Amino acid sequence: MSKETLYCYTRVSTQEQETDGNSLIVQEDWGKKVADKLGMNCGSYNEGARSSTTQIRPILSLLEEDIRKGKVKHLWVLDQSRIFRSLVDWGIFCADYLIPQKVTVYMGTFGESYDLQNDDTLMILDIVARVKENQNKKSAEKSRLGKLYKLENDSPSKPIFLGGTPLFGYISKDKLWTINKDESKWVKFIFESYKSSFYSSLD
């Protein structure tokens, strides 16, 4: 009899976390350990660096489709916020995918299981999601105030990088805007081409 598969959904919010913080590697490693503990094979849905609120997540869409098809019956995430930070989004995901397909959710480094057919379990997860949502709002406000401080005090003297995905032509180095030598030539090409086309239209 073949073993069941524990599918692990992994995500970080920024490119820096993906490449420098090793957060994805840590999540994947814990997912494999939980799968071994449960006696399951380990499958992966690696979203990479994607915001849960401002970016389209193609791997999440693939996961949703595979759940609907009945492929995924066991799903692990390091914590609930890896899938959704919003209580509303989490509730919709449960109602539209996890509950109808009877998916068992596992979380954390110990792989604690949650039976979403149980109303008490759903209530607990809703409370957890609401607490996380509140923490994220407070964290976002602290981050906003910190960025304002940097803009007012440091930005006049140096190009402070405030996070997110760097614009094409730049990279973040030591938390400063730095020209990306490989991409900068294309930025110059685009501007030169536009300028040439603009002046040609005037002739």
N, C-alpha and C. Protein backbone atom coordinates (compact mmCIF):
# COMPACT_ATOMS: atom_id res chain seq x y z
N MET A 1 0.85 -1.20 0.00
CA MET A 1 0.00 0.00 0.00
C MET A 1 0.89 1.25 0.00
N SER A 2 0.66 2.13 -0.97
CA SER A 2 1.50 3.33 -1.09
C SER A 2 1.17 4.34 0.00
N LYS A 3 2.21 5.08 0.40
CA LYS A 3 2.04 6.08 1.45
C LYS A 3 1.31 7.31 0.90
N GLU A 4 0.59 7.98 1.79
CA GLU A 4 -0.05 9.23 1.41
C GLU A 4 1.00 10.33 1.35
N THR A 5 0.62 11.44 0.76
CA THR A 5 1.58 12.54 0.58
C THR A 5 1.15 13.76 1.38
N LEU A 6 2.10 14.32 2.09
CA LEU A 6 1.89 15.58 2.79
C LEU A 6 2.42 16.69 1.89
N TYR A 7 1.52 17.55 1.40
CA TYR A 7 1.93 18.63 0.52
C TYR A 7 2.24 19.87 1.36
N CYS A 8 3.41 20.45 1.11
CA CYS A 8 3.89 21.58 1.90
C CYS A 8 3.84 22.87 1.06
N TYR A 9 3.12 23.85 1.58
CA TYR A 9 3.05 25.15 0.92
C TYR A 9 4.02 26.09 1.61
N THR A 10 4.98 26.63 0.87
CA THR A 10 5.98 27.52 1.44
C THR A 10 5.97 28.86 0.72
N ARG A 11 6.21 29.93 1.48
CA ARG A 11 6.19 31.28 0.91
C ARG A 11 6.93 32.23 1.85
N VAL A 12 7.60 33.21 1.25
CA VAL A 12 8.11 34.35 2.00
C VAL A 12 7.57 35.61 1.35
N SER A 13 7.65 36.72 2.06
CA SER A 13 7.00 37.95 1.58
C SER A 13 7.88 38.78 0.65
N THR A 14 9.21 38.68 0.79
CA THR A 14 10.10 39.52 -0.01
C THR A 14 11.23 38.72 -0.63
N GLN A 15 11.83 39.28 -1.67
CA GLN A 15 12.96 38.65 -2.34
C GLN A 15 14.14 38.49 -1.39
N GLU A 16 14.34 39.46 -0.51
CA GLU A 16 15.46 39.39 0.43
C GLU A 16 15.32 38.19 1.36
N GLN A 17 14.09 37.91 1.82
CA GLN A 17 13.87 36.75 2.68
C GLN A 17 14.16 35.45 1.94
N GLU A 18 13.86 35.45 0.63
CA GLU A 18 14.06 34.23 -0.16
C GLU A 18 15.54 33.94 -0.36
N THR A 19 16.33 34.98 -0.62
CA THR A 19 17.73 34.77 -0.98
C THR A 19 18.69 34.92 0.19
N ASP A 20 18.35 35.77 1.15
CA ASP A 20 19.29 36.04 2.23
C ASP A 20 18.89 35.37 3.55
N GLY A 21 17.61 35.35 3.83
CA GLY A 21 17.16 34.84 5.12
C GLY A 21 17.02 33.34 5.19
N ASN A 22 17.07 32.66 4.02
CA ASN A 22 16.91 31.21 3.98
C ASN A 22 15.58 30.73 4.54
N SER A 23 14.59 31.61 4.60
CA SER A 23 13.30 31.23 5.17
C SER A 23 12.64 30.11 4.38
N LEU A 24 12.75 30.14 3.06
CA LEU A 24 12.15 29.08 2.26
C LEU A 24 12.82 27.74 2.54
N ILE A 25 14.13 27.76 2.65
CA ILE A 25 14.87 26.53 2.94
C ILE A 25 14.45 25.96 4.29
N VAL A 26 14.31 26.86 5.27
CA VAL A 26 13.90 26.43 6.60
C VAL A 26 12.51 25.81 6.56
N GLN A 27 11.58 26.47 5.86
CA GLN A 27 10.22 25.95 5.76
C GLN A 27 10.19 24.58 5.09
N GLU A 28 10.93 24.45 3.99
CA GLU A 28 10.95 23.18 3.26
C GLU A 28 11.56 22.07 4.12
N ASP A 29 12.58 22.40 4.87
CA ASP A 29 13.23 21.41 5.72
C ASP A 29 12.27 20.92 6.80
N TRP A 30 11.54 21.85 7.42
CA TRP A 30 10.58 21.45 8.45
C TRP A 30 9.45 20.63 7.85
N GLY A 31 9.02 21.01 6.66
CA GLY A 31 7.96 20.24 5.99
C GLY A 31 8.37 18.79 5.77
N LYS A 32 9.62 18.58 5.35
CA LYS A 32 10.11 17.21 5.14
C LYS A 32 10.18 16.44 6.45
N LYS A 33 10.60 17.14 7.52
CA LYS A 33 10.68 16.48 8.83
C LYS A 33 9.30 16.07 9.33
N VAL A 34 8.31 16.95 9.13
CA VAL A 34 6.95 16.64 9.56
C VAL A 34 6.41 15.45 8.75
N ALA A 35 6.68 15.44 7.44
CA ALA A 35 6.23 14.34 6.59
C ALA A 35 6.84 13.02 7.06
N ASP A 36 8.13 13.04 7.39
CA ASP A 36 8.79 11.82 7.89
C ASP A 36 8.15 11.37 9.20
N LYS A 37 7.87 12.33 10.06
CA LYS A 37 7.27 12.02 11.36
C LYS A 37 5.90 11.36 11.19
N LEU A 38 5.15 11.83 10.18
CA LEU A 38 3.81 11.30 9.94
C LEU A 38 3.81 10.05 9.06
N GLY A 39 4.99 9.66 8.60
CA GLY A 39 5.09 8.49 7.74
C GLY A 39 4.53 8.71 6.35
N MET A 40 4.65 9.95 5.85
CA MET A 40 4.13 10.30 4.53
C MET A 40 5.25 10.69 3.58
N ASN A 41 4.95 10.62 2.30
CA ASN A 41 5.82 11.24 1.31
C ASN A 41 5.66 12.75 1.41
N CYS A 42 6.62 13.49 0.86
CA CYS A 42 6.58 14.95 0.94
C CYS A 42 6.45 15.56 -0.45
N GLY A 43 5.40 16.36 -0.65
CA GLY A 43 5.22 17.10 -1.89
C GLY A 43 5.39 18.58 -1.63
N SER A 44 5.65 19.35 -2.67
CA SER A 44 5.98 20.77 -2.46
C SER A 44 5.19 21.69 -3.37
N TYR A 45 4.71 22.77 -2.78
CA TYR A 45 4.15 23.91 -3.51
C TYR A 45 4.94 25.14 -3.03
N ASN A 46 5.99 25.47 -3.73
CA ASN A 46 6.89 26.55 -3.32
C ASN A 46 6.54 27.83 -4.05
N GLU A 47 5.97 28.79 -3.33
CA GLU A 47 5.54 30.06 -3.94
C GLU A 47 6.70 31.02 -4.15
N GLY A 48 7.78 30.80 -3.42
CA GLY A 48 8.90 31.74 -3.52
C GLY A 48 8.59 33.03 -2.77
N ALA A 49 9.07 34.13 -3.32
CA ALA A 49 8.86 35.43 -2.67
C ALA A 49 7.63 36.11 -3.26
N ARG A 50 6.54 36.08 -2.52
CA ARG A 50 5.28 36.69 -2.97
C ARG A 50 4.53 37.26 -1.78
N SER A 51 4.08 38.50 -1.91
CA SER A 51 3.26 39.09 -0.86
C SER A 51 1.90 38.41 -0.84
N SER A 52 1.36 38.23 0.37
CA SER A 52 0.05 37.60 0.48
C SER A 52 -1.09 38.58 0.22
N THR A 53 -0.77 39.87 0.12
CA THR A 53 -1.83 40.88 -0.02
C THR A 53 -1.74 41.69 -1.31
N THR A 54 -0.55 41.79 -1.91
CA THR A 54 -0.41 42.70 -3.05
C THR A 54 0.00 42.01 -4.35
N GLN A 55 0.25 40.72 -4.33
CA GLN A 55 0.71 40.05 -5.54
C GLN A 55 -0.13 38.82 -5.86
N ILE A 56 -0.24 38.54 -7.16
CA ILE A 56 -0.89 37.31 -7.61
C ILE A 56 0.02 36.13 -7.24
N ARG A 57 -0.59 35.05 -6.73
CA ARG A 57 0.20 33.89 -6.33
C ARG A 57 -0.17 32.67 -7.18
N PRO A 58 0.58 32.44 -8.25
CA PRO A 58 0.24 31.34 -9.18
C PRO A 58 0.33 29.96 -8.53
N ILE A 59 1.26 29.77 -7.60
CA ILE A 59 1.38 28.45 -6.96
C ILE A 59 0.18 28.18 -6.05
N LEU A 60 -0.30 29.22 -5.37
CA LEU A 60 -1.51 29.06 -4.56
C LEU A 60 -2.69 28.69 -5.45
N SER A 61 -2.79 29.31 -6.61
CA SER A 61 -3.87 28.98 -7.55
C SER A 61 -3.78 27.52 -7.98
N LEU A 62 -2.54 27.05 -8.23
CA LEU A 62 -2.33 25.64 -8.59
C LEU A 62 -2.73 24.73 -7.44
N LEU A 63 -2.37 25.11 -6.22
CA LEU A 63 -2.74 24.33 -5.04
C LEU A 63 -4.25 24.24 -4.91
N GLU A 64 -4.94 25.36 -5.09
CA GLU A 64 -6.39 25.37 -5.00
C GLU A 64 -7.01 24.44 -6.03
N GLU A 65 -6.47 24.46 -7.24
CA GLU A 65 -7.00 23.60 -8.31
C GLU A 65 -6.75 22.12 -7.98
N ASP A 66 -5.58 21.81 -7.45
CA ASP A 66 -5.26 20.42 -7.10
C ASP A 66 -6.11 19.94 -5.92
N ILE A 67 -6.42 20.84 -4.99
CA ILE A 67 -7.32 20.48 -3.89
C ILE A 67 -8.70 20.17 -4.45
N ARG A 68 -9.16 21.01 -5.36
CA ARG A 68 -10.50 20.82 -5.95
C ARG A 68 -10.57 19.49 -6.71
N LYS A 69 -9.44 19.09 -7.32
CA LYS A 69 -9.40 17.83 -8.07
C LYS A 69 -9.28 16.61 -7.16
N GLY A 70 -9.03 16.86 -5.88
CA GLY A 70 -8.90 15.75 -4.94
C GLY A 70 -7.49 15.21 -4.81
N LYS A 71 -6.52 15.89 -5.41
CA LYS A 71 -5.13 15.42 -5.34
C LYS A 71 -4.54 15.63 -3.95
N VAL A 72 -4.86 16.77 -3.33
CA VAL A 72 -4.26 17.13 -2.04
C VAL A 72 -5.25 16.82 -0.91
N LYS A 73 -4.85 15.89 -0.04
CA LYS A 73 -5.68 15.54 1.12
C LYS A 73 -5.01 15.90 2.44
N HIS A 74 -3.71 16.17 2.39
CA HIS A 74 -2.94 16.55 3.58
C HIS A 74 -2.07 17.75 3.21
N LEU A 75 -2.28 18.86 3.93
CA LEU A 75 -1.58 20.10 3.62
C LEU A 75 -0.86 20.63 4.85
N TRP A 76 0.43 20.96 4.69
CA TRP A 76 1.21 21.51 5.81
C TRP A 76 1.70 22.91 5.48
N VAL A 77 1.64 23.78 6.47
CA VAL A 77 2.27 25.10 6.40
C VAL A 77 2.95 25.35 7.74
N LEU A 78 4.02 26.14 7.72
CA LEU A 78 4.72 26.42 8.96
C LEU A 78 3.82 27.17 9.93
N ASP A 79 3.05 28.11 9.40
CA ASP A 79 2.01 28.77 10.20
C ASP A 79 0.94 29.29 9.25
N GLN A 80 -0.18 29.63 9.81
CA GLN A 80 -1.36 30.00 9.03
C GLN A 80 -1.12 31.18 8.09
N SER A 81 -0.25 32.10 8.49
CA SER A 81 -0.01 33.31 7.70
C SER A 81 0.73 33.02 6.40
N ARG A 82 1.33 31.82 6.28
CA ARG A 82 2.00 31.48 5.02
C ARG A 82 0.99 31.39 3.89
N ILE A 83 -0.24 31.00 4.21
CA ILE A 83 -1.28 30.94 3.18
C ILE A 83 -2.01 32.27 3.11
N PHE A 84 -2.62 32.71 4.21
CA PHE A 84 -3.35 33.98 4.24
C PHE A 84 -3.11 34.68 5.57
N ARG A 85 -2.93 35.99 5.51
CA ARG A 85 -2.86 36.79 6.72
C ARG A 85 -4.25 37.32 7.10
N SER A 86 -5.12 37.40 6.12
CA SER A 86 -6.45 37.94 6.34
C SER A 86 -7.41 36.86 6.83
N LEU A 87 -8.16 37.17 7.86
CA LEU A 87 -9.16 36.24 8.38
C LEU A 87 -10.21 35.92 7.33
N VAL A 88 -10.63 36.92 6.57
CA VAL A 88 -11.64 36.72 5.53
C VAL A 88 -11.12 35.78 4.45
N ASP A 89 -9.91 36.03 3.97
CA ASP A 89 -9.33 35.19 2.92
C ASP A 89 -9.15 33.74 3.40
N TRP A 90 -8.71 33.60 4.65
CA TRP A 90 -8.55 32.25 5.21
C TRP A 90 -9.90 31.53 5.28
N GLY A 91 -10.94 32.24 5.71
CA GLY A 91 -12.26 31.64 5.81
C GLY A 91 -12.79 31.19 4.46
N ILE A 92 -12.57 32.00 3.44
CA ILE A 92 -13.01 31.65 2.08
C ILE A 92 -12.26 30.43 1.57
N PHE A 93 -10.96 30.38 1.83
CA PHE A 93 -10.13 29.25 1.41
C PHE A 93 -10.62 27.96 2.05
N CYS A 94 -10.94 28.03 3.33
CA CYS A 94 -11.46 26.85 4.04
C CYS A 94 -12.81 26.42 3.47
N ALA A 95 -13.70 27.40 3.30
CA ALA A 95 -15.06 27.09 2.86
C ALA A 95 -15.11 26.59 1.42
N ASP A 96 -14.25 27.13 0.56
CA ASP A 96 -14.30 26.79 -0.87
C ASP A 96 -13.47 25.56 -1.23
N TYR A 97 -12.41 25.30 -0.47
CA TYR A 97 -11.48 24.23 -0.87
C TYR A 97 -11.26 23.17 0.22
N LEU A 98 -10.78 23.60 1.39
CA LEU A 98 -10.35 22.62 2.39
C LEU A 98 -11.50 21.79 2.95
N ILE A 99 -12.58 22.45 3.33
CA ILE A 99 -13.69 21.73 3.95
C ILE A 99 -14.42 20.82 2.95
N PRO A 100 -14.80 21.30 1.76
CA PRO A 100 -15.50 20.42 0.82
C PRO A 100 -14.70 19.18 0.42
N GLN A 101 -13.36 19.33 0.34
CA GLN A 101 -12.52 18.20 -0.09
C GLN A 101 -11.95 17.41 1.09
N LYS A 102 -12.38 17.80 2.31
CA LYS A 102 -11.98 17.09 3.53
C LYS A 102 -10.46 17.00 3.67
N VAL A 103 -9.81 18.13 3.46
CA VAL A 103 -8.35 18.20 3.59
C VAL A 103 -7.98 18.38 5.06
N THR A 104 -7.03 17.59 5.52
CA THR A 104 -6.49 17.76 6.87
C THR A 104 -5.31 18.71 6.80
N VAL A 105 -5.33 19.73 7.66
CA VAL A 105 -4.27 20.74 7.67
C VAL A 105 -3.33 20.47 8.84
N TYR A 106 -2.03 20.60 8.56
CA TYR A 106 -1.00 20.43 9.58
C TYR A 106 -0.21 21.73 9.66
N MET A 107 0.16 22.11 10.87
CA MET A 107 0.92 23.35 11.04
C MET A 107 2.04 23.16 12.04
N GLY A 108 3.06 24.02 11.89
CA GLY A 108 4.13 24.07 12.87
C GLY A 108 5.19 23.01 12.71
N THR A 109 6.22 23.12 13.51
CA THR A 109 7.36 22.20 13.42
C THR A 109 7.01 20.81 13.96
N PHE A 110 5.94 20.71 14.75
CA PHE A 110 5.52 19.41 15.26
C PHE A 110 4.44 18.78 14.38
N GLY A 111 3.94 19.54 13.40
CA GLY A 111 2.93 18.99 12.50
C GLY A 111 1.60 18.71 13.17
N GLU A 112 1.17 19.64 14.02
CA GLU A 112 -0.12 19.46 14.68
C GLU A 112 -1.24 19.47 13.65
N SER A 113 -2.15 18.50 13.73
CA SER A 113 -3.20 18.37 12.71
C SER A 113 -4.47 19.08 13.14
N TYR A 114 -5.21 19.56 12.13
CA TYR A 114 -6.47 20.27 12.38
C TYR A 114 -7.54 19.68 11.47
N ASP A 115 -8.56 19.11 12.08
CA ASP A 115 -9.69 18.53 11.34
C ASP A 115 -10.71 19.63 11.08
N LEU A 116 -10.79 20.10 9.85
CA LEU A 116 -11.65 21.23 9.53
C LEU A 116 -13.12 20.85 9.43
N GLN A 117 -13.43 19.58 9.63
CA GLN A 117 -14.84 19.18 9.70
C GLN A 117 -15.40 19.43 11.10
N ASN A 118 -14.51 19.76 12.03
CA ASN A 118 -14.89 19.99 13.42
C ASN A 118 -15.09 21.47 13.67
N ASP A 119 -16.28 21.86 14.14
CA ASP A 119 -16.60 23.28 14.35
C ASP A 119 -15.70 23.93 15.40
N ASP A 120 -15.33 23.19 16.43
CA ASP A 120 -14.45 23.75 17.46
C ASP A 120 -13.08 24.07 16.88
N THR A 121 -12.60 23.19 16.01
CA THR A 121 -11.31 23.43 15.36
C THR A 121 -11.36 24.68 14.50
N LEU A 122 -12.44 24.83 13.74
CA LEU A 122 -12.59 26.01 12.90
C LEU A 122 -12.62 27.29 13.74
N MET A 123 -13.28 27.22 14.88
CA MET A 123 -13.36 28.39 15.75
C MET A 123 -11.96 28.77 16.26
N ILE A 124 -11.18 27.76 16.65
CA ILE A 124 -9.82 28.02 17.14
C ILE A 124 -8.97 28.65 16.05
N LEU A 125 -9.06 28.12 14.84
CA LEU A 125 -8.26 28.67 13.73
C LEU A 125 -8.71 30.08 13.37
N ASP A 126 -10.00 30.34 13.48
CA ASP A 126 -10.50 31.70 13.23
C ASP A 126 -9.92 32.68 14.26
N ILE A 127 -9.85 32.25 15.51
CA ILE A 127 -9.29 33.11 16.56
C ILE A 127 -7.80 33.36 16.29
N VAL A 128 -7.09 32.29 15.92
CA VAL A 128 -5.66 32.43 15.59
C VAL A 128 -5.46 33.40 14.44
N ALA A 129 -6.30 33.27 13.41
CA ALA A 129 -6.19 34.15 12.25
C ALA A 129 -6.47 35.59 12.63
N ARG A 130 -7.46 35.80 13.50
CA ARG A 130 -7.78 37.17 13.93
C ARG A 130 -6.64 37.78 14.74
N VAL A 131 -6.02 36.98 15.62
CA VAL A 131 -4.89 37.47 16.41
C VAL A 131 -3.72 37.82 15.48
N LYS A 132 -3.44 36.94 14.51
CA LYS A 132 -2.36 37.19 13.56
C LYS A 132 -2.62 38.46 12.76
N GLU A 133 -3.88 38.63 12.34
CA GLU A 133 -4.26 39.79 11.55
C GLU A 133 -4.02 41.07 12.36
N ASN A 134 -4.38 41.04 13.62
CA ASN A 134 -4.17 42.19 14.49
C ASN A 134 -2.68 42.47 14.68
N GLN A 135 -1.89 41.41 14.87
CA GLN A 135 -0.44 41.57 15.02
C GLN A 135 0.18 42.16 13.75
N ASN A 136 -0.31 41.71 12.60
CA ASN A 136 0.22 42.21 11.33
C ASN A 136 -0.08 43.70 11.14
N LYS A 137 -1.28 44.11 11.58
CA LYS A 137 -1.63 45.52 11.47
C LYS A 137 -0.71 46.38 12.34
N LYS A 138 -0.45 45.89 13.56
CA LYS A 138 0.44 46.62 14.45
C LYS A 138 1.86 46.65 13.90
N SER A 139 2.29 45.53 13.35
CA SER A 139 3.63 45.44 12.77
C SER A 139 3.77 46.37 11.56
N ALA A 140 2.70 46.41 10.73
CA ALA A 140 2.72 47.28 9.55
C ALA A 140 2.81 48.75 9.95
N GLU A 141 2.12 49.11 11.03
CA GLU A 141 2.17 50.50 11.50
C GLU A 141 3.56 50.84 12.02
N LYS A 142 4.18 49.92 12.76
CA LYS A 142 5.54 50.15 13.23
C LYS A 142 6.51 50.30 12.05
N SER A 143 6.32 49.45 11.04
CA SER A 143 7.16 49.52 9.84
C SER A 143 6.99 50.85 9.12
N ARG A 144 5.75 51.32 9.04
CA ARG A 144 5.47 52.60 8.37
C ARG A 144 6.16 53.76 9.10
N LEU A 145 6.07 53.74 10.43
CA LEU A 145 6.70 54.81 11.22
C LEU A 145 8.22 54.76 11.08
N GLY A 146 8.76 53.53 11.03
CA GLY A 146 10.20 53.39 10.86
C GLY A 146 10.67 53.90 9.51
N LYS A 147 9.88 53.64 8.47
CA LYS A 147 10.24 54.11 7.14
C LYS A 147 10.16 55.64 7.04
N LEU A 148 9.14 56.21 7.68
CA LEU A 148 9.03 57.67 7.70
C LEU A 148 10.24 58.31 8.39
N TYR A 149 10.68 57.67 9.48
CA TYR A 149 11.85 58.18 10.20
C TYR A 149 13.09 58.14 9.30
N LYS A 150 13.27 57.03 8.59
CA LYS A 150 14.44 56.91 7.71
C LYS A 150 14.38 57.93 6.59
N LEU A 151 13.18 58.15 6.04
CA LEU A 151 13.03 59.12 4.96
C LEU A 151 13.38 60.53 5.44
N GLU A 152 12.94 60.86 6.63
CA GLU A 152 13.17 62.20 7.15
C GLU A 152 14.61 62.42 7.60
N ASN A 153 15.26 61.37 8.11
CA ASN A 153 16.58 61.54 8.70
C ASN A 153 17.74 61.05 7.84
N ASP A 154 17.53 59.98 7.08
CA ASP A 154 18.64 59.40 6.32
C ASP A 154 18.56 59.63 4.82
N SER A 155 17.34 59.67 4.30
CA SER A 155 17.17 59.76 2.85
C SER A 155 17.82 60.98 2.20
N PRO A 156 17.88 62.16 2.86
CA PRO A 156 18.53 63.31 2.21
C PRO A 156 20.01 63.09 1.90
N SER A 157 20.67 62.17 2.61
CA SER A 157 22.11 61.99 2.42
C SER A 157 22.48 60.70 1.69
N LYS A 158 21.55 59.73 1.61
CA LYS A 158 21.86 58.48 0.91
C LYS A 158 20.58 57.81 0.44
N PRO A 159 20.67 56.98 -0.62
CA PRO A 159 19.47 56.36 -1.22
C PRO A 159 18.97 55.16 -0.42
N ILE A 160 18.16 55.43 0.59
CA ILE A 160 17.67 54.38 1.48
C ILE A 160 16.66 53.48 0.76
N PHE A 161 16.87 52.17 0.85
CA PHE A 161 15.91 51.19 0.31
C PHE A 161 14.95 50.81 1.43
N LEU A 162 13.68 50.99 1.20
CA LEU A 162 12.68 50.79 2.25
C LEU A 162 11.97 49.44 2.19
N GLY A 163 12.45 48.55 1.33
CA GLY A 163 11.86 47.22 1.26
C GLY A 163 11.00 47.02 0.02
N GLY A 164 10.50 45.81 -0.12
CA GLY A 164 9.70 45.48 -1.30
C GLY A 164 10.59 44.95 -2.42
N THR A 165 10.04 44.92 -3.62
CA THR A 165 10.78 44.45 -4.79
C THR A 165 11.45 45.63 -5.49
N PRO A 166 12.78 45.60 -5.63
CA PRO A 166 13.47 46.72 -6.28
C PRO A 166 12.98 46.94 -7.70
N LEU A 167 12.97 48.19 -8.13
CA LEU A 167 12.61 48.52 -9.49
C LEU A 167 13.62 47.92 -10.46
N PHE A 168 13.15 47.64 -11.68
CA PHE A 168 14.04 47.10 -12.70
C PHE A 168 15.19 48.07 -12.93
N GLY A 169 16.42 47.58 -12.91
CA GLY A 169 17.59 48.43 -13.07
C GLY A 169 18.32 48.68 -11.76
N TYR A 170 17.70 48.23 -10.65
CA TYR A 170 18.31 48.44 -9.33
C TYR A 170 18.28 47.15 -8.52
N ILE A 171 19.13 47.10 -7.51
CA ILE A 171 19.09 46.04 -6.50
C ILE A 171 19.24 46.70 -5.13
N SER A 172 18.89 45.95 -4.10
CA SER A 172 19.11 46.43 -2.73
C SER A 172 20.42 45.84 -2.22
N LYS A 173 21.35 46.71 -1.86
CA LYS A 173 22.64 46.28 -1.31
C LYS A 173 22.91 47.06 -0.05
N ASP A 174 23.05 46.33 1.07
CA ASP A 174 23.22 46.98 2.37
C ASP A 174 22.07 47.95 2.65
N LYS A 175 20.86 47.57 2.18
CA LYS A 175 19.64 48.36 2.37
C LYS A 175 19.74 49.75 1.73
N LEU A 176 20.48 49.82 0.61
CA LEU A 176 20.58 51.04 -0.18
C LEU A 176 20.24 50.72 -1.63
N TRP A 177 19.61 51.70 -2.33
CA TRP A 177 19.37 51.54 -3.76
C TRP A 177 20.72 51.50 -4.47
N THR A 178 20.94 50.43 -5.25
CA THR A 178 22.20 50.27 -5.98
C THR A 178 21.90 49.88 -7.41
N ILE A 179 22.63 50.47 -8.35
CA ILE A 179 22.40 50.19 -9.77
C ILE A 179 22.77 48.74 -10.09
N ASN A 180 21.85 48.05 -10.77
CA ASN A 180 22.10 46.70 -11.26
C ASN A 180 22.77 46.82 -12.63
N LYS A 181 24.04 46.47 -12.70
CA LYS A 181 24.82 46.68 -13.92
C LYS A 181 24.26 45.91 -15.11
N ASP A 182 23.73 44.70 -14.86
CA ASP A 182 23.19 43.90 -15.96
C ASP A 182 21.89 44.49 -16.52
N GLU A 183 21.07 45.05 -15.62
CA GLU A 183 19.78 45.58 -16.05
C GLU A 183 19.83 47.04 -16.47
N SER A 184 20.81 47.78 -15.94
CA SER A 184 20.85 49.23 -16.21
C SER A 184 21.02 49.54 -17.69
N LYS A 185 21.74 48.68 -18.42
CA LYS A 185 21.94 48.93 -19.86
C LYS A 185 20.61 48.88 -20.61
N TRP A 186 19.69 48.04 -20.13
CA TRP A 186 18.38 47.95 -20.78
C TRP A 186 17.50 49.14 -20.43
N VAL A 187 17.66 49.65 -19.22
CA VAL A 187 16.94 50.86 -18.84
C VAL A 187 17.39 52.02 -19.73
N LYS A 188 18.70 52.16 -19.93
CA LYS A 188 19.24 53.21 -20.79
C LYS A 188 18.76 53.02 -22.23
N PHE A 189 18.73 51.77 -22.68
CA PHE A 189 18.27 51.48 -24.05
C PHE A 189 16.82 51.90 -24.24
N ILE A 190 15.98 51.60 -23.24
CA ILE A 190 14.56 51.96 -23.33
C ILE A 190 14.38 53.47 -23.41
N PHE A 191 15.10 54.20 -22.55
CA PHE A 191 14.97 55.66 -22.55
C PHE A 191 15.53 56.27 -23.83
N GLU A 192 16.65 55.76 -24.31
CA GLU A 192 17.23 56.28 -25.55
C GLU A 192 16.32 56.00 -26.74
N SER A 193 15.71 54.81 -26.73
CA SER A 193 14.80 54.45 -27.83
C SER A 193 13.57 55.34 -27.81
N TYR A 194 13.04 55.59 -26.61
CA TYR A 194 11.87 56.46 -26.50
C TYR A 194 12.20 57.88 -26.94
N LYS A 195 13.37 58.37 -26.50
CA LYS A 195 13.76 59.73 -26.87
C LYS A 195 13.94 59.84 -28.37
N SER A 196 14.57 58.84 -28.97
CA SER A 196 14.79 58.85 -30.43
C SER A 196 13.45 58.83 -31.17
N SER A 197 12.52 57.98 -30.68
CA SER A 197 11.21 57.87 -31.32
C SER A 197 10.42 59.17 -31.16
N PHE A 198 10.52 59.79 -29.99
CA PHE A 198 9.79 61.04 -29.73
C PHE A 198 10.25 62.15 -30.67
N TYR A 199 11.56 62.31 -30.78
CA TYR A 199 12.06 63.40 -31.64
C TYR A 199 11.83 63.12 -33.11
N SER A 200 11.83 61.84 -33.47
CA SER A 200 11.55 61.47 -34.87
C SER A 200 10.11 61.83 -35.23
N SER A 201 9.19 61.70 -34.26
CA SER A 201 7.80 62.02 -34.53
C SER A 201 7.58 63.49 -34.73
N LEU A 202 8.51 64.32 -34.29
CA LEU A 202 8.39 65.78 -34.44
C LEU A 202 8.86 66.27 -35.80
N ASP A 203 9.63 65.43 -36.48
CA ASP A 203 10.15 65.83 -37.80
C ASP A 203 9.05 65.82 -38.88
